[in-house]
């Protein structure tokens, strides 16, 4: 797949299980308090500036659920 225009294509980086300060182990689906996720940029459209393929970015996961 190739991005066009001002779009980018990303693939989410799955995070490992996290430990809270109290010692609880949280899987990613229980971590709704963390708004931003990490992803690798797979493809970049011709109008996008400042991002290249292979970059790691943070994105708002609230947008990815629509």
Protein backbone atom coordinates (compact mmCIF):
# COMPACT_ATOMS: atom_id res chain seq x y z
CA UNK A 1 0.00 0.00 0.00
CA UNK A 2 1.26 3.49 -0.81
CA UNK A 3 0.14 6.76 0.76
CA UNK A 4 -1.08 9.54 -1.53
CA UNK A 5 -1.41 13.31 -1.15
CA UNK A 6 -1.09 14.52 2.42
CA UNK A 7 -1.67 11.13 4.09
CA UNK A 8 0.67 8.72 5.81
CA UNK A 9 0.34 5.00 6.45
CA UNK A 10 1.47 3.74 9.84
CA UNK A 11 1.69 0.42 11.65
CA UNK A 12 1.15 0.43 15.39
CA UNK A 13 3.96 -0.78 17.61
CA UNK A 14 2.52 -3.18 20.16
CA UNK A 15 3.77 -2.31 23.62
CA UNK A 16 4.78 -4.85 26.17
CA UNK A 17 2.80 -5.42 29.33
CA UNK A 18 3.39 -2.52 31.71
CA UNK A 19 3.73 -2.56 35.48
CA UNK A 20 2.07 0.15 37.58
CA UNK A 21 3.64 1.79 40.63
CA UNK A 22 1.52 -0.52 42.81
CA UNK A 23 2.86 -3.61 41.02
CA UNK A 24 -0.17 -4.42 38.83
CA UNK A 25 0.49 -5.71 35.34
CA UNK A 26 -1.58 -3.98 32.67
CA UNK A 27 -2.12 -5.21 29.15
CA UNK A 28 -2.47 -2.57 26.43
CA UNK A 29 -6.26 -2.79 26.31
CA UNK A 30 -6.41 -1.79 30.00
CA UNK A 31 -4.31 1.31 29.47
CA UNK A 32 -6.97 3.79 28.34
CA UNK A 33 -5.33 6.49 30.45
CA UNK A 34 -2.49 6.67 27.93
CA UNK A 35 -3.82 8.72 25.05
CA UNK A 36 -0.92 8.51 22.60
CA UNK A 37 0.39 5.37 20.93
CA UNK A 38 3.63 4.71 19.04
CA UNK A 39 3.78 3.69 15.37
CA UNK A 40 6.24 3.19 12.51
CA UNK A 41 5.69 5.22 9.34
CA UNK A 42 5.27 2.78 6.45
CA UNK A 43 4.51 5.18 3.57
CA UNK A 44 4.37 8.96 3.12
CA UNK A 45 2.33 10.94 0.57
CA UNK A 46 4.02 13.49 -1.71
CA UNK A 47 2.54 16.51 0.13
CA UNK A 48 3.81 15.48 3.58
CA UNK A 49 6.85 17.35 4.86
CA UNK A 50 9.07 16.52 7.82
CA UNK A 51 8.19 12.82 8.04
CA UNK A 52 9.94 10.04 6.14
CA UNK A 53 9.42 6.31 5.90
CA UNK A 54 10.89 4.50 8.89
CA UNK A 55 10.24 7.33 11.38
CA UNK A 56 8.64 6.49 14.71
CA UNK A 57 5.72 8.75 15.62
CA UNK A 58 3.18 9.24 18.39
CA UNK A 59 -0.47 9.43 17.38
CA UNK A 60 -3.72 10.02 19.21
CA UNK A 61 -5.45 6.65 19.52
CA UNK A 62 -8.83 8.35 19.97
CA UNK A 63 -8.76 9.17 16.25
CA UNK A 64 -7.95 5.58 15.29
CA UNK A 65 -11.25 4.33 16.79
CA UNK A 66 -13.51 6.33 14.40
